[in-house]
Amino acid sequence: MRKIQIVLLLIVSQIMFSQVKNTDELYK
């Protein structure tokens, strides 16, 4: 269970703190 929580945390943090897409308003 602990491993699943860590993996989910890593996935969520990657989504939240990754670069924006080149179609995003901030990129433009």
PDB file of all heavy atoms in Angstrom:
ATOM      1  N   MET A   1       0.829  -1.202   0.000  1.00  0.00           N
ATOM      2  CA  MET A   1       0.000   0.000   0.000  1.00  0.00           C
ATOM      3  C   MET A   1       0.869   1.259   0.000  1.00  0.00           C
ATOM      4  O   MET A   1       0.573   2.218  -0.693  1.00  0.00           O
ATOM      5  CB  MET A   1      -0.930  -0.048   1.224  1.00  0.00           C
ATOM      6  CG  MET A   1      -1.877   1.107   1.279  1.00  0.00           C
ATOM      7  SD  MET A   1      -3.007   1.015  -0.131  1.00  0.00           S
ATOM      8  CE  MET A   1      -4.095   2.286   0.232  1.00  0.00           C
ATOM      9  N   ARG A   2       1.924   1.245   0.790  1.00  0.00           N
ATOM     10  CA  ARG A   2       2.826   2.398   0.890  1.00  0.00           C
ATOM     11  C   ARG A   2       3.483   2.692  -0.465  1.00  0.00           C
ATOM     12  O   ARG A   2       3.637   3.848  -0.845  1.00  0.00           O
ATOM     13  CB  ARG A   2       3.884   2.125   1.964  1.00  0.00           C
ATOM     14  CG  ARG A   2       4.831   3.263   2.195  1.00  0.00           C
ATOM     15  CD  ARG A   2       4.205   4.274   3.114  1.00  0.00           C
ATOM     16  NE  ARG A   2       5.190   5.271   3.449  1.00  0.00           N
ATOM     17  CZ  ARG A   2       4.924   6.540   3.503  1.00  0.00           C
ATOM     18  NH1 ARG A   2       3.696   6.969   3.325  1.00  0.00           N
ATOM     19  NH2 ARG A   2       5.845   7.401   3.808  1.00  0.00           N
ATOM     20  N   LYS A   3       3.867   1.638  -1.185  1.00  0.00           N
ATOM     21  CA  LYS A   3       4.489   1.817  -2.497  1.00  0.00           C
ATOM     22  C   LYS A   3       3.515   2.457  -3.482  1.00  0.00           C
ATOM     23  O   LYS A   3       3.908   3.310  -4.275  1.00  0.00           O
ATOM     24  CB  LYS A   3       4.981   0.474  -3.041  1.00  0.00           C
ATOM     25  CG  LYS A   3       6.193  -0.056  -2.324  1.00  0.00           C
ATOM     26  CD  LYS A   3       6.647  -1.356  -2.931  1.00  0.00           C
ATOM     27  CE  LYS A   3       7.831  -1.903  -2.146  1.00  0.00           C
ATOM     28  NZ  LYS A   3       8.284  -3.195  -2.673  1.00  0.00           N
ATOM     29  N   ILE A   4       2.275   2.077  -3.437  1.00  0.00           N
ATOM     30  CA  ILE A   4       1.259   2.662  -4.317  1.00  0.00           C
ATOM     31  C   ILE A   4       1.092   4.140  -4.018  1.00  0.00           C
ATOM     32  O   ILE A   4       1.001   4.961  -4.936  1.00  0.00           O
ATOM     33  CB  ILE A   4      -0.080   1.902  -4.180  1.00  0.00           C
ATOM     34  CG1 ILE A   4       0.071   0.480  -4.724  1.00  0.00           C
ATOM     35  CG2 ILE A   4      -1.201   2.642  -4.916  1.00  0.00           C
ATOM     36  CD1 ILE A   4      -1.125  -0.404  -4.481  1.00  0.00           C
ATOM     37  N   GLN A   5       1.088   4.512  -2.752  1.00  0.00           N
ATOM     38  CA  GLN A   5       0.955   5.921  -2.369  1.00  0.00           C
ATOM     39  C   GLN A   5       2.138   6.732  -2.881  1.00  0.00           C
ATOM     40  O   GLN A   5       1.969   7.844  -3.386  1.00  0.00           O
ATOM     41  CB  GLN A   5       0.840   6.048  -0.843  1.00  0.00           C
ATOM     42  CG  GLN A   5      -0.467   5.570  -0.279  1.00  0.00           C
ATOM     43  CD  GLN A   5      -0.480   5.574   1.244  1.00  0.00           C
ATOM     44  OE1 GLN A   5       0.550   5.419   1.890  1.00  0.00           O
ATOM     45  NE2 GLN A   5      -1.673   5.760   1.803  1.00  0.00           N
ATOM     46  N   ILE A   6       3.318   6.188  -2.779  1.00  0.00           N
ATOM     47  CA  ILE A   6       4.519   6.895  -3.244  1.00  0.00           C
ATOM     48  C   ILE A   6       4.469   7.077  -4.760  1.00  0.00           C
ATOM     49  O   ILE A   6       4.752   8.158  -5.278  1.00  0.00           O
ATOM     50  CB  ILE A   6       5.796   6.143  -2.796  1.00  0.00           C
ATOM     51  CG1 ILE A   6       5.954   6.249  -1.273  1.00  0.00           C
ATOM     52  CG2 ILE A   6       7.025   6.699  -3.508  1.00  0.00           C
ATOM     53  CD1 ILE A   6       7.057   5.401  -0.697  1.00  0.00           C
ATOM     54  N   VAL A   7       4.083   6.026  -5.470  1.00  0.00           N
ATOM     55  CA  VAL A   7       3.988   6.113  -6.921  1.00  0.00           C
ATOM     56  C   VAL A   7       2.941   7.153  -7.330  1.00  0.00           C
ATOM     57  O   VAL A   7       3.176   7.975  -8.217  1.00  0.00           O
ATOM     58  CB  VAL A   7       3.665   4.725  -7.539  1.00  0.00           C
ATOM     59  CG1 VAL A   7       3.304   4.854  -9.011  1.00  0.00           C
ATOM     60  CG2 VAL A   7       4.840   3.785  -7.355  1.00  0.00           C
ATOM     61  N   LEU A   8       1.792   7.141  -6.688  1.00  0.00           N
ATOM     62  CA  LEU A   8       0.753   8.131  -6.987  1.00  0.00           C
ATOM     63  C   LEU A   8       1.241   9.545  -6.692  1.00  0.00           C
ATOM     64  O   LEU A   8       0.980  10.473  -7.466  1.00  0.00           O
ATOM     65  CB  LEU A   8      -0.525   7.829  -6.195  1.00  0.00           C
ATOM     66  CG  LEU A   8      -1.347   6.639  -6.702  1.00  0.00           C
ATOM     67  CD1 LEU A   8      -2.515   6.357  -5.757  1.00  0.00           C
ATOM     68  CD2 LEU A   8      -1.842   6.883  -8.105  1.00  0.00           C
ATOM     69  N   LEU A   9       1.941   9.728  -5.591  1.00  0.00           N
ATOM     70  CA  LEU A   9       2.485  11.042  -5.239  1.00  0.00           C
ATOM     71  C   LEU A   9       3.466  11.517  -6.308  1.00  0.00           C
ATOM     72  O   LEU A   9       3.441  12.681  -6.712  1.00  0.00           O
ATOM     73  CB  LEU A   9       3.154  10.998  -3.866  1.00  0.00           C
ATOM     74  CG  LEU A   9       3.782  12.297  -3.384  1.00  0.00           C
ATOM     75  CD1 LEU A   9       2.712  13.372  -3.207  1.00  0.00           C
ATOM     76  CD2 LEU A   9       4.541  12.079  -2.102  1.00  0.00           C
ATOM     77  N   LEU A  10       4.317  10.628  -6.771  1.00  0.00           N
ATOM     78  CA  LEU A  10       5.269  10.997  -7.821  1.00  0.00           C
ATOM     79  C   LEU A  10       4.564  11.379  -9.112  1.00  0.00           C
ATOM     80  O   LEU A  10       4.940  12.345  -9.777  1.00  0.00           O
ATOM     81  CB  LEU A  10       6.250   9.845  -8.071  1.00  0.00           C
ATOM     82  CG  LEU A  10       7.279   9.589  -6.976  1.00  0.00           C
ATOM     83  CD1 LEU A  10       8.059   8.314  -7.273  1.00  0.00           C
ATOM     84  CD2 LEU A  10       8.221  10.762  -6.837  1.00  0.00           C
ATOM     85  N   ILE A  11       3.544  10.638  -9.486  1.00  0.00           N
ATOM     86  CA  ILE A  11       2.798  10.953 -10.701  1.00  0.00           C
ATOM     87  C   ILE A  11       2.105  12.296 -10.585  1.00  0.00           C
ATOM     88  O   ILE A  11       2.181  13.129 -11.486  1.00  0.00           O
ATOM     89  CB  ILE A  11       1.780   9.824 -11.023  1.00  0.00           C
ATOM     90  CG1 ILE A  11       2.529   8.558 -11.442  1.00  0.00           C
ATOM     91  CG2 ILE A  11       0.806  10.262 -12.118  1.00  0.00           C
ATOM     92  CD1 ILE A  11       1.655   7.329 -11.544  1.00  0.00           C
ATOM     93  N   VAL A  12       1.424  12.529  -9.465  1.00  0.00           N
ATOM     94  CA  VAL A  12       0.719  13.796  -9.259  1.00  0.00           C
ATOM     95  C   VAL A  12       1.701  14.965  -9.233  1.00  0.00           C
ATOM     96  O   VAL A  12       1.460  16.003  -9.853  1.00  0.00           O
ATOM     97  CB  VAL A  12      -0.137  13.749  -7.978  1.00  0.00           C
ATOM     98  CG1 VAL A  12      -0.655  15.130  -7.606  1.00  0.00           C
ATOM     99  CG2 VAL A  12      -1.296  12.781  -8.147  1.00  0.00           C
ATOM    100  N   SER A  13       2.826  14.814  -8.549  1.00  0.00           N
ATOM    101  CA  SER A  13       3.794  15.922  -8.484  1.00  0.00           C
ATOM    102  C   SER A  13       4.389  16.202  -9.849  1.00  0.00           C
ATOM    103  O   SER A  13       4.655  17.342 -10.196  1.00  0.00           O
ATOM    104  CB  SER A  13       4.889  15.635  -7.463  1.00  0.00           C
ATOM    105  OG  SER A  13       5.686  14.539  -7.863  1.00  0.00           O
ATOM    106  N   GLN A  14       4.589  15.163 -10.657  1.00  0.00           N
ATOM    107  CA  GLN A  14       5.108  15.353 -12.006  1.00  0.00           C
ATOM    108  C   GLN A  14       4.123  16.145 -12.852  1.00  0.00           C
ATOM    109  O   GLN A  14       4.500  17.026 -13.612  1.00  0.00           O
ATOM    110  CB  GLN A  14       5.400  13.988 -12.646  1.00  0.00           C
ATOM    111  CG  GLN A  14       6.226  14.073 -13.885  1.00  0.00           C
ATOM    112  CD  GLN A  14       7.632  14.576 -13.631  1.00  0.00           C
ATOM    113  OE1 GLN A  14       8.127  14.637 -12.523  1.00  0.00           O
ATOM    114  NE2 GLN A  14       8.286  14.980 -14.693  1.00  0.00           N
ATOM    115  N   ILE A  15       2.842  15.840 -12.725  1.00  0.00           N
ATOM    116  CA  ILE A  15       1.814  16.557 -13.467  1.00  0.00           C
ATOM    117  C   ILE A  15       1.726  18.002 -13.001  1.00  0.00           C
ATOM    118  O   ILE A  15       1.646  18.933 -13.791  1.00  0.00           O
ATOM    119  CB  ILE A  15       0.450  15.848 -13.321  1.00  0.00           C
ATOM    120  CG1 ILE A  15       0.483  14.502 -14.048  1.00  0.00           C
ATOM    121  CG2 ILE A  15      -0.679  16.717 -13.863  1.00  0.00           C
ATOM    122  CD1 ILE A  15      -0.679  13.589 -13.735  1.00  0.00           C
ATOM    123  N   MET A  16       1.771  18.226 -11.699  1.00  0.00           N
ATOM    124  CA  MET A  16       1.596  19.569 -11.146  1.00  0.00           C
ATOM    125  C   MET A  16       2.792  20.474 -11.416  1.00  0.00           C
ATOM    126  O   MET A  16       2.637  21.672 -11.569  1.00  0.00           O
ATOM    127  CB  MET A  16       1.351  19.498  -9.639  1.00  0.00           C
ATOM    128  CG  MET A  16      -0.013  18.946  -9.281  1.00  0.00           C
ATOM    129  SD  MET A  16      -0.252  18.786  -7.507  1.00  0.00           S
ATOM    130  CE  MET A  16       0.040  20.441  -6.945  1.00  0.00           C
ATOM    131  N   PHE A  17       3.995  19.921 -11.464  1.00  0.00           N
ATOM    132  CA  PHE A  17       5.184  20.759 -11.525  1.00  0.00           C
ATOM    133  C   PHE A  17       5.983  20.584 -12.814  1.00  0.00           C
ATOM    134  O   PHE A  17       7.129  20.960 -12.885  1.00  0.00           O
ATOM    135  CB  PHE A  17       6.078  20.489 -10.311  1.00  0.00           C
ATOM    136  CG  PHE A  17       5.385  20.769  -9.021  1.00  0.00           C
ATOM    137  CD1 PHE A  17       5.009  19.731  -8.183  1.00  0.00           C
ATOM    138  CD2 PHE A  17       5.058  22.054  -8.662  1.00  0.00           C
ATOM    139  CE1 PHE A  17       4.350  19.985  -6.991  1.00  0.00           C
ATOM    140  CE2 PHE A  17       4.392  22.318  -7.474  1.00  0.00           C
ATOM    141  CZ  PHE A  17       4.034  21.275  -6.643  1.00  0.00           C
ATOM    142  N   SER A  18       5.373  20.039 -13.833  1.00  0.00           N
ATOM    143  CA  SER A  18       6.088  19.852 -15.078  1.00  0.00           C
ATOM    144  C   SER A  18       5.902  21.069 -15.979  1.00  0.00           C
ATOM    145  O   SER A  18       5.131  21.972 -15.694  1.00  0.00           O
ATOM    146  CB  SER A  18       5.605  18.580 -15.771  1.00  0.00           C
ATOM    147  OG  SER A  18       4.242  18.695 -16.093  1.00  0.00           O
ATOM    148  N   GLN A  19       6.625  21.038 -17.068  1.00  0.00           N
ATOM    149  CA  GLN A  19       6.523  22.141 -18.019  1.00  0.00           C
ATOM    150  C   GLN A  19       5.130  22.195 -18.618  1.00  0.00           C
ATOM    151  O   GLN A  19       4.421  21.202 -18.657  1.00  0.00           O
ATOM    152  CB  GLN A  19       7.561  21.965 -19.114  1.00  0.00           C
ATOM    153  CG  GLN A  19       7.273  20.791 -20.020  1.00  0.00           C
ATOM    154  CD  GLN A  19       8.305  20.669 -21.118  1.00  0.00           C
ATOM    155  OE1 GLN A  19       9.176  21.490 -21.265  1.00  0.00           O
ATOM    156  NE2 GLN A  19       8.197  19.623 -21.903  1.00  0.00           N
ATOM    157  N   VAL A  20       4.764  23.357 -19.086  1.00  0.00           N
ATOM    158  CA  VAL A  20       3.462  23.517 -19.734  1.00  0.00           C
ATOM    159  C   VAL A  20       3.578  23.080 -21.194  1.00  0.00           C
ATOM    160  O   VAL A  20       4.661  23.093 -21.784  1.00  0.00           O
ATOM    161  CB  VAL A  20       2.943  24.968 -19.638  1.00  0.00           C
ATOM    162  CG1 VAL A  20       2.739  25.379 -18.192  1.00  0.00           C
ATOM    163  CG2 VAL A  20       3.859  25.954 -20.345  1.00  0.00           C
ATOM    164  N   LYS A  21       2.458  22.726 -21.785  1.00  0.00           N
ATOM    165  CA  LYS A  21       2.435  22.333 -23.193  1.00  0.00           C
ATOM    166  C   LYS A  21       2.586  23.571 -24.069  1.00  0.00           C
ATOM    167  O   LYS A  21       2.229  24.674 -23.664  1.00  0.00           O
ATOM    168  CB  LYS A  21       1.111  21.628 -23.506  1.00  0.00           C
ATOM    169  CG  LYS A  21       0.955  20.321 -22.784  1.00  0.00           C
ATOM    170  CD  LYS A  21      -0.384  19.691 -23.099  1.00  0.00           C
ATOM    171  CE  LYS A  21      -0.538  18.408 -22.301  1.00  0.00           C
ATOM    172  NZ  LYS A  21      -1.830  17.789 -22.493  1.00  0.00           N
ATOM    173  N   ASN A  22       3.076  23.369 -25.283  1.00  0.00           N
ATOM    174  CA  ASN A  22       3.276  24.522 -26.166  1.00  0.00           C
ATOM    175  C   ASN A  22       1.964  25.116 -26.668  1.00  0.00           C
ATOM    176  O   ASN A  22       1.964  26.138 -27.323  1.00  0.00           O
ATOM    177  CB  ASN A  22       4.219  24.183 -27.321  1.00  0.00           C
ATOM    178  CG  ASN A  22       3.695  23.093 -28.220  1.00  0.00           C
ATOM    179  OD1 ASN A  22       2.581  22.597 -28.041  1.00  0.00           O
ATOM    180  ND2 ASN A  22       4.502  22.705 -29.181  1.00  0.00           N
ATOM    181  N   THR A  23       0.843  24.502 -26.337  1.00  0.00           N
ATOM    182  CA  THR A  23      -0.470  25.066 -26.666  1.00  0.00           C
ATOM    183  C   THR A  23      -1.049  25.861 -25.493  1.00  0.00           C
ATOM    184  O   THR A  23      -2.065  26.537 -25.645  1.00  0.00           O
ATOM    185  CB  THR A  23      -1.459  23.948 -27.039  1.00  0.00           C
ATOM    186  OG1 THR A  23      -1.514  22.997 -25.966  1.00  0.00           O
ATOM    187  CG2 THR A  23      -1.034  23.255 -28.329  1.00  0.00           C
ATOM    188  N   ASP A  24      -0.384  25.810 -24.347  1.00  0.00           N
ATOM    189  CA  ASP A  24      -0.848  26.491 -23.144  1.00  0.00           C
ATOM    190  C   ASP A  24      -0.670  28.012 -23.291  1.00  0.00           C
ATOM    191  O   ASP A  24       0.259  28.484 -23.944  1.00  0.00           O
ATOM    192  CB  ASP A  24      -0.044  25.979 -21.938  1.00  0.00           C
ATOM    193  CG  ASP A  24      -0.608  26.444 -20.621  1.00  0.00           C
ATOM    194  OD1 ASP A  24      -0.218  27.554 -20.175  1.00  0.00           O
ATOM    195  OD2 ASP A  24      -1.430  25.716 -20.056  1.00  0.00           O
ATOM    196  N   GLU A  25      -1.553  28.756 -22.671  1.00  0.00           N
ATOM    197  CA  GLU A  25      -1.508  30.223 -22.743  1.00  0.00           C
ATOM    198  C   GLU A  25      -0.197  30.769 -22.169  1.00  0.00           C
ATOM    199  O   GLU A  25       0.363  31.742 -22.696  1.00  0.00           O
ATOM    200  CB  GLU A  25      -2.712  30.795 -21.990  1.00  0.00           C
ATOM    201  CG  GLU A  25      -3.254  32.088 -22.538  1.00  0.00           C
ATOM    202  CD  GLU A  25      -3.434  32.155 -24.051  1.00  0.00           C
ATOM    203  OE1 GLU A  25      -4.066  31.284 -24.659  1.00  0.00           O
ATOM    204  OE2 GLU A  25      -2.915  33.122 -24.633  1.00  0.00           O
ATOM    205  N   LEU A  26       0.317  30.161 -21.106  1.00  0.00           N
ATOM    206  CA  LEU A  26       1.577  30.623 -20.516  1.00  0.00           C
ATOM    207  C   LEU A  26       2.736  30.409 -21.494  1.00  0.00           C
ATOM    208  O   LEU A  26       3.625  31.260 -21.598  1.00  0.00           O
ATOM    209  CB  LEU A  26       1.845  29.924 -19.180  1.00  0.00           C
ATOM    210  CG  LEU A  26       3.066  30.413 -18.412  1.00  0.00           C
ATOM    211  CD1 LEU A  26       2.943  31.909 -18.071  1.00  0.00           C
ATOM    212  CD2 LEU A  26       3.259  29.592 -17.142  1.00  0.00           C
ATOM    213  N   TYR A  27       2.741  29.314 -22.210  1.00  0.00           N
ATOM    214  CA  TYR A  27       3.767  29.059 -23.214  1.00  0.00           C
ATOM    215  C   TYR A  27       3.714  30.130 -24.304  1.00  0.00           C
ATOM    216  O   TYR A  27       4.743  30.666 -24.721  1.00  0.00           O
ATOM    217  CB  TYR A  27       3.589  27.669 -23.822  1.00  0.00           C
ATOM    218  CG  TYR A  27       4.719  27.244 -24.722  1.00  0.00           C
ATOM    219  CD1 TYR A  27       5.782  26.510 -24.217  1.00  0.00           C
ATOM    220  CD2 TYR A  27       4.730  27.567 -26.075  1.00  0.00           C
ATOM    221  CE1 TYR A  27       6.834  26.112 -25.033  1.00  0.00           C
ATOM    222  CE2 TYR A  27       5.770  27.179 -26.897  1.00  0.00           C
ATOM    223  CZ  TYR A  27       6.821  26.451 -26.377  1.00  0.00           C
ATOM    224  OH  TYR A  27       7.857  26.075 -27.186  1.00  0.00           O
ATOM    225  N   LYS A  28       2.515  30.442 -24.750  1.00  0.00           N
ATOM    226  CA  LYS A  28       2.341  31.483 -25.773  1.00  0.00           C
ATOM    227  C   LYS A  28       2.814  32.841 -25.253  1.00  0.00           C
ATOM    228  O   LYS A  28       3.429  33.619 -25.989  1.00  0.00           O
ATOM    229  CB  LYS A  28       0.886  31.559 -26.214  1.00  0.00           C
ATOM    230  CG  LYS A  28       0.430  30.327 -26.978  1.00  0.00           C
ATOM    231  CD  LYS A  28      -1.051  30.386 -27.285  1.00  0.00           C
ATOM    232  CE  LYS A  28      -1.542  29.094 -27.919  1.00  0.00           C
ATOM    233  NZ  LYS A  28      -2.990  29.099 -28.126  1.00  0.00           N
TER     234      LYS A  28
END
